[in-house]
Each structure stands twice: as structure tokens, then as C-alpha cells.
Amino acid sequence: MTIRQLSEIRFNALAGYTRNPRLVRVVQEFDWLTTDDERVIGLLVWDRHDHDFGWIALGRDERQQFRAVEVKSSLPSAEAARAQLSEVMQRLNAGPDEDLLQSEDGPPPVDFFAPVAPEAAWHPSFRILVTDPRYSPAREIIAAMMRYHSDVDGNFIQQFQTVGFDPRLWELYLFATFTELGFAREGEAVAPDFQFAGLSGRLGVEATTANAPQAGAPAPPELNAETFDDYVANFVPIKLARPLRRKLRKNPPYWEAVGMADTPFVLALQDFHAPGAMRLIAPAATEYLFGVRHSIVDGARRIERIERHVYGTADEPSGFFGFDRAENVSAVLINPQGTLLKFNRMGFLAGFGDRRVRMVRQGYRRHEGDPDDPSPRPFRDLVHAPGYSETWVEGMIVLHNPNALIALDPELIPGATHEFVQPDGRIMSLMPGDPPPYFSSTAVVLNGEPLEGD
């Protein structure tokens, strides 16, 4: 049995969600190994305090979660740790399944895809995820993640398959992103959705979404050259305002939950009110949260304060961060890229899915850091080509509350763009090293089918 290297992105998909919050403060992972069949996997670690080496061997437990089976520390070198871990993994893989189990009673393995709703009630995106081979990378990476999901509300799977697919996918995106950033989930509280702990600190995250109108509700307006500006300046901010305000009104408040004392609290917002709506979330959320609008008039930048967003009979005050109780919200994070296509791209990069899948991603990247030409620039990438890379956090924007009682340290979310409004209404941006996408679209086909631009 050959022991081979495992990419970090695939290890995170298979087992990253099992990390102990205390462990990430003690050791640093530096390599990941697997048996050929991925029945047993392992990681090599360096002790941050004792400056020696160790390893952890993991196998699937009764719930199909990878759990630690054997652990070793205090080894003198990385080479010694690697050799010993390889030997142990071969022994465990040659043994019976019972050697990998934890001897624990509990619920059966979580399965997001076992039907709990009639097929006629499936969400269109769930149907695509289940049936379309072009989306097999997303399906398989979600199947790896689902074993670690705790359904504290009791209805996650039913909603994931039906009317709640989009908000539930957004929760999975946040879970994957903060795992990638080195955080581990703490506790089993219902609210907020996540309490994360990592080497750089702690934070609480509550997910919320603007969703498609239910049957009988007015549909979003048809967009054209005449309606577009009003739509972005008023209709979309109103759609975003309502779920955010509901979060402020919750009692007991999220920021008073057990474990949240002296901890930054972040609302994670996504817009699913219409197909592709999230492409416009950045300008709309920025204006609504900060209550300022930037425009170019006669070649000069103009900054104006926004009092209200009005669209037809709908009317919402602007400047969310100035609302009563909003001082308890440290920041609001968004990501126009946090969609099913992100899962498809990340799944493909992690080795999941039909290898005939071909993806072309194109859009515009931000370049404010370039003093010679700060304007957005077009890009076009072949996701399936060697050398393509992407992270879960890529595309995330964190809008910081200037009135927060507990400020969010930008170092807690590296790789995101951080935005800070100044007293005069200017917005200062802390950009990641690589220019982030402003927006993008991804075409997906199977090899042999025509792909636009090829």
C-alpha cells in the first residue's frame, strides 16, 4: 500500500472540519498524507512551543467523519515523523474497520442527498447539483463536508433540498472558508450560527440572506438602461436591509449568547433575491451599511450622505451601522463569489468530480493598489488548466462598523478585502496581496462540448 501526499485543500475538504480549537493554537500543520484509497489519512505537525514534531493518523468513525486514531508527539525531526506516520497508516489500513471506529453511540452519518422531500419540491439548484455531471465537483466536495455538519435547527437537509437551498449553501460556504483560514468551530449553540476559534483569536458569525420572493409576492423589476441605477441604489439596498434589521431585533441578542462575551460579532450577508443578484451586492451593501454614496461628477469624486432608500412604496432608512443596537455588530461580510460555482471550482481543484469537467472563469479584478491604473481589469482563467489557484476566502469583502463596541481585527480574516468608512465619508480599503475579483462568471461544460471562448 502506497502512502502519498495529500493536498491541503483536499485534506480540508475531507477532515479539516474535525480540528480541535485548542489544537490549532498548539501545533502547526505542515504536510498531509493519505493511503491510495483515502481510508486512512494523516497530518504532520510542528509544536509551536516545544519546537519538535509529531503526527496524527485519522480514520472514518461511525458517522463517516475522519477522527484521530493514533497520535504521536516529541519527535526530533520532520523526517522521523513522516517515516513513523507512514508506517502507522499502512498498519491501520491493513486492519479491520473496527480499528478506526470510536466506539461511540450517536446519530447515523449525515447525508444531504438522501431524498427527504419529493422530487417535485426540489430546488432547481439542488436538482442540478444532484443530476448534472458538470456539477459533480461541487456535489462531491459538499458530500465530504456534510459528514461534519450538526443540524442544530433540525431542518437543514429538508431546506437544503427545497426552498432553503441558497441560504443553506451560504452557511456551508462560511464553514469552508473559516476552516480554510485555520479556525475551528466551538460549541453547539443554535445562535449565532458559528463561533470560531483560531490562532489569531475568536469571532461569532451569523449568516443571513436576501431570498427570492415567495409565491404571490411581487417579482424583482425587469432591468434595462432606464431602471438599472435606481435598482442598485434603492431596490437592492431595501432587499438587504430587511434581513439585517431582523438580526438586530432578535431577542435574546446574538452578542449576548454563551461564549460571545468580548468577542467580535459578524453578520455574513448574501443576496439570492434573483438569479445573479449577488453580483451587485458590493455597491449596494456598501452604500446601505455606511450611508454614503460615491460618484464621479464632471471628473471629480463626489461624496453624499444617503438618508433613505425608496423604491415605489418601499422605504428604508440608510446607514445601518448607525442604527440602534448596531454598535454590537463588528462588521458585515459579503462575497459575490460565494455561490454554487465557487463550490464547483474549489471541488475541482481538490480533485473531486468528473475530470472531464472544463470551466472558464472570466470577469474583472480590483486594482486600487496600482497608482498608475487603479481601474478594474478584465481576466479570463481556465479553471481546469495547470497552475490555476483559488481560495474559499477569495472575493470576500468585510465592511467594518465605525461605531462597533468590539472592533474586528482585519488579521482575523486574511485574504479578504476590508473596507473602512472615514468621518468625511471616504472609504479606505485594505486589499489582499493578489487583486481580488470584483465579479466573475464561470462557464461549465464536459470535455468535448463547446466552451465559449475556446
Protein backbone atom coordinates (compact mmCIF):
# COMPACT_ATOMS: atom_id res chain seq x y z
CA MET A 1 0.00 0.00 0.00
CA THR A 2 1.47 3.32 -1.10
CA ILE A 3 1.37 6.37 1.14
CA ARG A 4 1.16 9.52 -0.93
CA GLN A 5 0.93 13.24 -0.34
CA LEU A 6 -2.49 14.86 0.04
CA SER A 7 -3.10 18.47 -0.95
CA GLU A 8 -4.09 20.83 1.84
CA ILE A 9 -7.28 21.82 0.02
CA ARG A 10 -8.36 18.17 -0.24
CA PHE A 11 -7.40 17.43 3.37
CA ASN A 12 -9.53 20.38 4.48
CA ALA A 13 -12.47 19.01 2.49
CA LEU A 14 -12.07 15.51 3.92
CA ALA A 15 -11.12 16.25 7.52
CA GLY A 16 -10.45 19.93 8.17
CA TYR A 17 -13.77 20.33 9.97
CA THR A 18 -12.71 17.97 12.75
CA ARG A 19 -9.93 20.26 14.03
CA ASN A 20 -9.96 20.98 17.74
CA PRO A 21 -9.85 24.73 18.56
CA ARG A 22 -7.17 24.11 21.19
CA LEU A 23 -5.04 22.08 18.79
CA VAL A 24 -4.61 24.89 16.27
CA ARG A 25 -3.07 27.04 19.00
CA VAL A 26 -0.53 24.36 19.93
CA VAL A 27 0.67 22.87 16.64
CA GLN A 28 1.21 23.97 13.06
CA GLU A 29 0.35 21.55 10.27
CA PHE A 30 2.93 21.30 7.51
CA ASP A 31 2.07 18.25 5.40
CA TRP A 32 -0.77 15.82 4.77
CA LEU A 33 -0.65 12.15 3.71
CA THR A 34 -3.13 9.51 2.57
CA THR A 35 -3.41 5.87 1.63
CA ASP A 36 -4.29 5.23 -2.01
CA ASP A 37 -7.95 4.68 -1.18
CA GLU A 38 -8.14 7.57 1.35
CA ARG A 39 -9.34 5.14 4.01
CA VAL A 40 -6.63 6.43 6.36
CA ILE A 41 -5.18 9.94 6.21
CA GLY A 42 -2.64 11.73 8.34
CA LEU A 43 -1.06 15.07 9.08
CA LEU A 44 2.40 16.10 10.18
CA VAL A 45 2.66 18.83 12.79
CA TRP A 46 5.24 21.10 14.38
CA ASP A 47 4.82 22.05 18.05
CA ARG A 48 4.73 25.84 18.38
CA HIS A 49 6.01 25.73 21.99
CA ASP A 50 8.43 22.79 22.20
CA HIS A 51 9.68 23.14 18.60
CA ASP A 52 9.58 19.40 17.96
CA PHE A 53 7.50 17.30 15.58
CA GLY A 54 4.56 14.92 15.67
CA TRP A 55 1.80 13.33 13.66
CA ILE A 56 -1.89 12.41 13.77
CA ALA A 57 -3.40 9.43 11.94
CA LEU A 58 -7.12 9.63 11.16
CA GLY A 59 -9.76 7.12 10.04
CA ARG A 60 -13.51 7.28 9.49
CA ASP A 61 -15.70 6.76 12.54
CA GLU A 62 -19.28 5.53 12.81
CA ARG A 63 -20.57 8.79 11.26
CA GLN A 64 -18.05 8.66 8.39
CA GLN A 65 -16.12 11.54 9.93
CA PHE A 66 -12.34 11.40 9.97
CA ARG A 67 -11.25 11.23 13.62
CA ALA A 68 -7.87 10.83 15.27
CA VAL A 69 -6.97 7.17 15.75
CA GLU A 70 -3.33 7.41 16.82
CA VAL A 71 -1.22 10.43 17.81
CA LYS A 72 2.49 10.92 18.45
CA SER A 73 4.50 13.92 19.62
CA SER A 74 8.04 14.88 20.71
CA LEU A 75 9.81 13.53 17.64
CA PRO A 76 13.20 15.08 16.76
CA SER A 77 12.66 15.80 13.05
CA ALA A 78 10.14 16.07 10.26
CA GLU A 79 11.72 13.07 8.56
CA ALA A 80 11.29 10.90 11.66
CA ALA A 81 7.66 11.98 11.99
CA ARG A 82 6.95 11.27 8.32
CA ALA A 83 8.51 7.79 8.43
CA GLN A 84 6.66 6.82 11.60
CA LEU A 85 3.31 8.17 10.37
CA SER A 86 3.64 6.29 7.06
CA GLU A 87 4.28 3.04 8.92
CA VAL A 88 1.28 3.53 11.22
CA MET A 89 -1.03 4.44 8.32
CA GLN A 90 -0.06 1.27 6.45
CA ARG A 91 -0.77 -0.82 9.56
CA LEU A 92 -4.14 0.83 10.17
CA ASN A 93 -5.18 0.47 6.55
CA ALA A 94 -4.35 -3.24 6.61
CA GLY A 95 -6.51 -3.73 9.71
CA PRO A 96 -10.28 -4.09 10.11
CA ASP A 97 -12.73 -1.18 10.16
CA GLU A 98 -13.20 -1.71 13.89
CA ASP A 99 -9.69 -0.35 14.48
CA LEU A 100 -10.79 3.01 13.08
CA LEU A 101 -14.09 3.38 14.95
CA GLN A 102 -14.53 5.45 18.10
CA SER A 103 -16.95 3.08 19.91
CA GLU A 104 -19.46 5.88 20.29
CA ASP A 105 -23.23 5.79 20.08
CA GLY A 106 -24.82 8.58 18.10
CA PRO A 107 -26.89 9.52 15.09
CA PRO A 108 -26.19 7.93 11.70
CA PRO A 109 -23.97 9.67 9.12
CA VAL A 110 -25.37 12.91 7.75
CA ASP A 111 -26.45 12.71 4.10
CA PHE A 112 -27.60 15.90 2.38
CA PHE A 113 -28.50 13.99 -0.78
CA ALA A 114 -30.73 11.18 0.52
CA PRO A 115 -34.18 12.49 -0.52
CA VAL A 116 -36.32 13.77 2.34
CA ALA A 117 -38.61 15.78 0.04
CA PRO A 118 -40.50 14.72 -3.09
CA GLU A 119 -38.58 15.40 -6.30
CA ALA A 120 -41.24 17.86 -7.42
CA ALA A 121 -40.34 20.06 -4.44
CA TRP A 122 -36.60 20.11 -5.12
CA HIS A 123 -34.95 23.47 -5.54
CA PRO A 124 -33.74 23.93 -9.15
CA SER A 125 -30.13 24.33 -7.99
CA PHE A 126 -30.35 21.20 -5.85
CA ARG A 127 -31.65 19.29 -8.87
CA ILE A 128 -28.65 20.49 -10.91
CA LEU A 129 -26.29 19.55 -8.10
CA VAL A 130 -27.70 16.01 -7.89
CA THR A 131 -28.19 15.19 -11.56
CA ASP A 132 -25.77 17.24 -13.69
CA PRO A 133 -22.27 15.72 -14.14
CA ARG A 134 -20.91 19.20 -14.84
CA TYR A 135 -21.52 19.99 -11.16
CA SER A 136 -20.07 16.75 -9.81
CA PRO A 137 -17.07 18.58 -8.26
CA ALA A 138 -19.45 20.68 -6.15
CA ARG A 139 -21.56 17.65 -5.25
CA GLU A 140 -18.58 15.60 -4.10
CA ILE A 141 -16.93 18.34 -2.06
CA ILE A 142 -20.26 19.02 -0.33
CA ALA A 143 -20.62 15.26 0.27
CA ALA A 144 -17.24 15.33 2.04
CA MET A 145 -18.25 18.34 4.13
CA MET A 146 -21.69 17.07 5.10
CA ARG A 147 -20.37 14.37 7.45
CA TYR A 148 -19.29 17.11 9.88
CA HIS A 149 -22.50 19.10 9.81
CA SER A 150 -24.51 19.43 13.01
CA ASP A 151 -28.15 20.12 12.22
CA VAL A 152 -28.89 22.18 15.33
CA ASP A 153 -32.12 23.53 13.77
CA GLY A 154 -33.34 20.07 12.79
CA ASN A 155 -34.42 21.09 9.27
CA PHE A 156 -31.17 21.75 7.39
CA ILE A 157 -31.41 18.83 4.96
CA GLN A 158 -35.07 19.43 4.12
CA GLN A 159 -34.36 23.11 3.45
CA PHE A 160 -31.15 22.34 1.51
CA GLN A 161 -33.17 20.18 -0.88
CA THR A 162 -36.10 22.59 -1.25
CA VAL A 163 -36.84 26.28 -0.69
CA GLY A 164 -33.85 26.94 1.57
CA PHE A 165 -31.08 25.74 -0.75
CA ASP A 166 -29.44 29.14 -1.21
CA PRO A 167 -29.19 30.22 2.46
CA ARG A 168 -28.04 26.76 3.48
CA LEU A 169 -25.35 26.77 0.77
CA TRP A 170 -24.19 30.16 2.11
CA GLU A 171 -23.77 28.59 5.57
CA LEU A 172 -21.68 25.79 4.04
CA TYR A 173 -19.56 28.39 2.25
CA LEU A 174 -18.83 30.16 5.54
CA PHE A 175 -17.97 26.83 7.21
CA ALA A 176 -15.49 26.02 4.42
CA THR A 177 -13.95 29.50 4.40
CA PHE A 178 -13.23 29.76 8.10
CA THR A 179 -11.90 26.20 8.13
CA GLU A 180 -9.50 27.21 5.35
CA LEU A 181 -8.43 30.21 7.46
CA GLY A 182 -7.42 27.91 10.31
CA PHE A 183 -10.46 28.29 12.54
CA ALA A 184 -12.25 25.50 14.34
CA ARG A 185 -15.89 25.60 15.35
CA GLU A 186 -16.67 25.83 19.06
CA GLY A 187 -19.82 24.70 20.82
CA GLU A 188 -23.18 23.54 19.50
CA ALA A 189 -25.21 26.71 20.10
CA VAL A 190 -28.11 27.46 17.76
CA ALA A 191 -27.29 31.18 17.63
CA PRO A 192 -25.15 32.66 16.30
CA ASP A 193 -24.65 30.09 13.53
CA PHE A 194 -20.91 29.82 14.19
CA GLN A 195 -18.48 30.53 16.98
CA PHE A 196 -14.97 30.13 15.60
CA ALA A 197 -11.62 29.93 17.41
CA GLY A 198 -8.21 30.08 15.79
CA LEU A 199 -4.62 31.04 16.37
CA SER A 200 -5.39 34.73 15.83
CA GLY A 201 -8.50 34.90 18.02
CA ARG A 202 -12.23 34.26 18.17
CA LEU A 203 -15.33 35.56 16.42
CA GLY A 204 -19.02 34.80 16.08
CA VAL A 205 -20.70 34.69 12.68
CA GLU A 206 -24.41 34.74 11.90
CA ALA A 207 -25.46 34.02 8.30
CA THR A 208 -28.33 35.86 6.67
CA THR A 209 -29.63 36.17 3.11
CA ALA A 210 -31.97 38.18 0.95
CA ASN A 211 -34.06 35.50 -0.73
CA ALA A 212 -36.24 35.13 -3.80
CA PRO A 213 -39.85 36.25 -3.33
CA GLN A 214 -42.25 33.51 -2.34
CA ALA A 215 -45.31 32.62 -4.42
CA GLY A 216 -47.63 35.58 -4.75
CA ALA A 217 -45.02 38.21 -3.85
CA PRO A 218 -44.01 40.83 -6.45
CA ALA A 219 -41.15 39.72 -8.69
CA PRO A 220 -37.96 41.80 -8.94
CA PRO A 221 -38.19 44.56 -11.54
CA GLU A 222 -37.05 43.96 -15.08
CA LEU A 223 -33.66 45.57 -15.61
CA ASN A 224 -32.86 47.87 -18.51
CA ALA A 225 -30.79 51.01 -19.07
CA GLU A 226 -33.51 53.19 -17.55
CA THR A 227 -34.16 51.15 -14.39
CA PHE A 228 -30.68 49.85 -13.54
CA ASP A 229 -29.35 52.80 -11.49
CA ASP A 230 -32.50 53.02 -9.35
CA TYR A 231 -32.43 49.26 -8.88
CA VAL A 232 -28.86 49.27 -7.48
CA ALA A 233 -29.27 52.46 -5.45
CA ASN A 234 -32.63 51.63 -3.87
CA PHE A 235 -34.25 48.26 -4.67
CA VAL A 236 -31.23 46.11 -3.74
CA PRO A 237 -30.37 48.03 -0.53
CA ILE A 238 -34.00 47.62 0.59
CA LYS A 239 -33.79 43.86 -0.05
CA LEU A 240 -30.57 43.71 2.01
CA ALA A 241 -31.91 45.94 4.79
CA ARG A 242 -34.73 43.68 5.86
CA PRO A 243 -32.79 40.53 6.84
CA LEU A 244 -30.12 42.68 8.51
CA ARG A 245 -32.65 44.59 10.59
CA ARG A 246 -34.29 41.32 11.66
CA LYS A 247 -30.95 40.20 13.05
CA LEU A 248 -30.70 43.40 15.12
CA ARG A 249 -34.14 42.80 16.63
CA LYS A 250 -33.52 39.21 17.74
CA ASN A 251 -34.01 38.53 21.43
CA PRO A 252 -32.01 37.36 23.19
CA PRO A 253 -29.34 39.08 21.07
CA TYR A 254 -26.65 37.05 19.32
CA TRP A 255 -23.91 39.06 21.02
CA GLU A 256 -25.19 38.02 24.44
CA ALA A 257 -25.11 34.28 23.69
CA VAL A 258 -22.97 31.97 25.80
CA GLY A 259 -19.37 32.22 24.61
CA MET A 260 -19.78 35.59 22.90
CA ALA A 261 -18.53 37.87 25.69
CA ASP A 262 -15.76 40.22 24.45
CA THR A 263 -15.95 38.53 21.03
CA PRO A 264 -16.40 40.28 17.66
CA PHE A 265 -19.80 39.54 16.12
CA VAL A 266 -20.10 39.49 12.33
CA LEU A 267 -23.18 39.28 10.12
CA ALA A 268 -22.49 37.35 6.90
CA LEU A 269 -24.80 38.59 4.16
CA GLN A 270 -25.55 37.17 0.71
CA ASP A 271 -28.11 38.21 -1.91
CA PHE A 272 -30.18 35.50 -3.59
CA HIS A 273 -33.28 37.58 -4.36
CA ALA A 274 -32.87 36.94 -8.12
CA PRO A 275 -30.52 34.90 -10.34
CA GLY A 276 -27.12 36.61 -10.37
CA ALA A 277 -28.23 39.21 -7.80
CA MET A 278 -25.08 38.72 -5.72
CA ARG A 279 -23.03 40.41 -8.47
CA LEU A 280 -24.45 43.73 -7.29
CA ILE A 281 -24.21 43.15 -3.55
CA ALA A 282 -20.92 45.01 -3.07
CA PRO A 283 -22.01 48.51 -4.16
CA ALA A 284 -25.50 48.15 -2.71
CA ALA A 285 -24.34 46.83 0.68
CA THR A 286 -21.55 49.42 0.93
CA GLU A 287 -23.98 52.31 0.40
CA TYR A 288 -26.61 50.89 2.77
CA LEU A 289 -24.24 49.99 5.60
CA PHE A 290 -22.12 53.15 5.51
CA GLY A 291 -24.90 55.51 4.38
CA VAL A 292 -22.69 57.24 1.82
CA ARG A 293 -22.63 57.29 -1.97
CA HIS A 294 -19.57 57.95 -4.13
CA SER A 295 -19.95 59.16 -7.70
CA ILE A 296 -17.93 60.97 -10.35
CA VAL A 297 -19.35 64.33 -11.43
CA ASP A 298 -17.51 66.42 -14.02
CA GLY A 299 -14.41 64.32 -13.49
CA ALA A 300 -14.33 64.82 -9.72
CA ARG A 301 -15.32 62.44 -6.93
CA ARG A 302 -18.47 63.44 -5.07
CA ILE A 303 -19.44 62.02 -1.68
CA GLU A 304 -23.00 62.41 -0.46
CA ARG A 305 -24.83 61.17 2.61
CA ILE A 306 -27.80 58.89 1.97
CA GLU A 307 -30.86 59.43 4.16
CA ARG A 308 -33.24 56.82 2.76
CA HIS A 309 -33.62 54.17 0.07
CA VAL A 310 -37.01 54.48 -1.63
CA TYR A 311 -38.36 52.22 -4.37
CA GLY A 312 -42.05 52.51 -5.16
CA THR A 313 -43.86 52.14 -1.84
CA ALA A 314 -40.87 50.51 -0.14
CA ASP A 315 -38.84 52.80 2.11
CA GLU A 316 -35.83 52.02 4.33
CA PRO A 317 -33.51 54.38 6.22
CA SER A 318 -29.86 54.16 5.16
CA GLY A 319 -26.72 53.86 7.31
CA PHE A 320 -27.24 50.50 9.06
CA PHE A 321 -24.14 50.93 11.22
CA GLY A 322 -25.76 53.98 12.82
CA PHE A 323 -28.93 52.15 13.89
CA ASP A 324 -29.85 51.39 17.48
CA ARG A 325 -28.16 48.15 18.64
CA ALA A 326 -25.97 48.05 15.51
CA GLU A 327 -22.97 49.02 17.66
CA ASN A 328 -22.96 45.35 18.71
CA VAL A 329 -22.19 44.28 15.13
CA SER A 330 -18.46 44.46 14.48
CA ALA A 331 -18.72 44.09 10.71
CA VAL A 332 -20.78 42.72 7.85
CA LEU A 333 -19.09 40.38 5.39
CA ILE A 334 -20.21 39.61 1.86
CA ASN A 335 -18.85 37.64 -1.07
CA PRO A 336 -20.36 37.91 -4.55
CA GLN A 337 -18.38 34.75 -5.38
CA GLY A 338 -19.94 32.67 -2.58
CA THR A 339 -22.20 30.59 -4.83
CA LEU A 340 -22.58 27.06 -6.18
CA LEU A 341 -19.97 27.84 -8.85
CA LYS A 342 -17.41 28.56 -6.12
CA PHE A 343 -18.06 25.04 -4.77
CA ASN A 344 -17.66 23.64 -8.28
CA ARG A 345 -14.31 25.35 -8.81
CA MET A 346 -12.98 24.50 -5.35
CA GLY A 347 -14.20 20.92 -5.66
CA PHE A 348 -12.39 20.52 -8.97
CA LEU A 349 -9.17 21.96 -7.51
CA ALA A 350 -9.43 19.47 -4.64
CA GLY A 351 -9.66 16.55 -7.06
CA PHE A 352 -13.38 15.89 -6.76
CA GLY A 353 -15.84 15.23 -9.56
CA ASP A 354 -15.78 14.14 -13.17
CA ARG A 355 -12.35 15.00 -14.58
CA ARG A 356 -13.97 15.78 -17.94
CA VAL A 357 -15.34 18.99 -16.41
CA ARG A 358 -14.00 22.12 -18.06
CA MET A 359 -14.54 25.63 -16.63
CA VAL A 360 -13.74 29.09 -17.93
CA ARG A 361 -13.94 31.88 -15.38
CA GLN A 362 -13.93 35.48 -16.50
CA GLY A 363 -14.74 38.86 -15.03
CA TYR A 364 -12.96 41.88 -13.56
CA ARG A 365 -10.40 42.18 -10.77
CA ARG A 366 -9.89 45.17 -8.49
CA HIS A 367 -6.60 47.07 -8.85
CA GLU A 368 -6.95 50.05 -6.50
CA GLY A 369 -3.45 49.30 -5.23
CA ASP A 370 -1.92 50.24 -8.59
CA PRO A 371 -1.17 54.02 -8.53
CA ASP A 372 -0.75 54.11 -12.31
CA ASP A 373 -4.04 52.43 -13.21
CA PRO A 374 -6.42 51.69 -10.31
CA SER A 375 -9.37 50.78 -12.54
CA PRO A 376 -10.74 47.20 -12.63
CA ARG A 377 -9.16 44.95 -15.26
CA PRO A 378 -10.67 42.01 -17.14
CA PHE A 379 -9.41 38.48 -16.56
CA ARG A 380 -10.08 35.09 -18.11
CA ASP A 381 -8.88 31.87 -16.44
CA LEU A 382 -9.15 28.20 -17.33
CA VAL A 383 -10.05 26.59 -14.00
CA HIS A 384 -9.11 23.13 -15.30
CA ALA A 385 -5.67 24.25 -16.53
CA PRO A 386 -2.47 23.53 -14.57
CA GLY A 387 -1.49 26.40 -12.34
CA TYR A 388 -4.96 27.76 -11.67
CA SER A 389 -5.47 28.55 -7.98
CA GLU A 390 -8.27 29.91 -5.87
CA THR A 391 -9.21 30.05 -2.20
CA TRP A 392 -12.52 29.97 -0.40
CA VAL A 393 -11.91 33.46 1.01
CA GLU A 394 -11.15 34.99 -2.39
CA GLY A 395 -13.71 37.66 -3.25
CA MET A 396 -14.82 38.25 0.35
CA ILE A 397 -15.38 41.86 1.40
CA VAL A 398 -15.57 42.83 5.08
CA LEU A 399 -17.33 46.14 5.80
CA HIS A 400 -16.24 47.35 9.24
CA ASN A 401 -18.59 49.16 11.61
CA PRO A 402 -17.05 52.51 12.64
CA ASN A 403 -19.29 52.52 15.75
CA ALA A 404 -18.59 48.95 16.90
CA LEU A 405 -18.20 48.34 20.61
CA ILE A 406 -15.88 45.44 19.75
CA ALA A 407 -13.85 46.09 16.61
CA LEU A 408 -12.96 43.26 14.26
CA ASP A 409 -9.23 42.88 13.70
CA PRO A 410 -8.66 42.54 9.93
CA GLU A 411 -5.97 39.96 10.71
CA LEU A 412 -8.75 37.56 11.72
CA ILE A 413 -9.85 37.30 8.07
CA PRO A 414 -6.73 37.46 5.90
CA GLY A 415 -7.25 37.27 2.16
CA ALA A 416 -10.42 39.36 2.28
CA THR A 417 -10.80 43.00 1.26
CA HIS A 418 -11.50 45.18 4.32
CA GLU A 419 -13.42 48.44 3.94
CA PHE A 420 -13.44 51.28 6.50
CA VAL A 421 -15.58 54.42 6.23
CA GLN A 422 -13.96 57.66 7.40
CA PRO A 423 -15.72 60.55 9.18
CA ASP A 424 -15.76 62.58 5.95
CA GLY A 425 -17.40 59.70 4.05
CA ARG A 426 -14.30 58.48 2.26
CA ILE A 427 -13.86 54.70 2.20
CA MET A 428 -10.41 53.27 2.83
CA SER A 429 -9.68 49.76 1.52
CA LEU A 430 -7.23 47.22 2.91
CA MET A 431 -6.63 44.95 -0.06
CA PRO A 432 -5.19 41.40 -0.13
CA GLY A 433 -1.89 40.81 -1.90
CA ASP A 434 -3.49 39.34 -5.02
CA PRO A 435 -6.04 41.58 -6.77
CA PRO A 436 -9.46 40.16 -5.80
CA PRO A 437 -12.29 39.64 -8.29
CA TYR A 438 -14.86 42.42 -8.46
CA PHE A 439 -17.21 39.96 -10.10
CA SER A 440 -16.91 36.89 -12.30
CA SER A 441 -18.92 34.33 -14.22
CA THR A 442 -18.00 30.71 -14.91
CA ALA A 443 -18.98 28.62 -17.93
CA VAL A 444 -19.05 24.87 -17.21
CA VAL A 445 -19.08 22.03 -19.76
CA LEU A 446 -17.81 18.48 -20.14
CA ASN A 447 -14.74 17.91 -22.28
CA GLY A 448 -15.79 17.68 -25.92
CA GLU A 449 -18.65 20.12 -25.58
CA PRO A 450 -18.20 23.64 -26.96
CA LEU A 451 -16.88 26.12 -24.42
CA GLU A 452 -17.36 29.79 -25.14
CA GLY A 453 -14.04 31.48 -25.94
CA ASP A 454 -12.11 28.28 -26.73
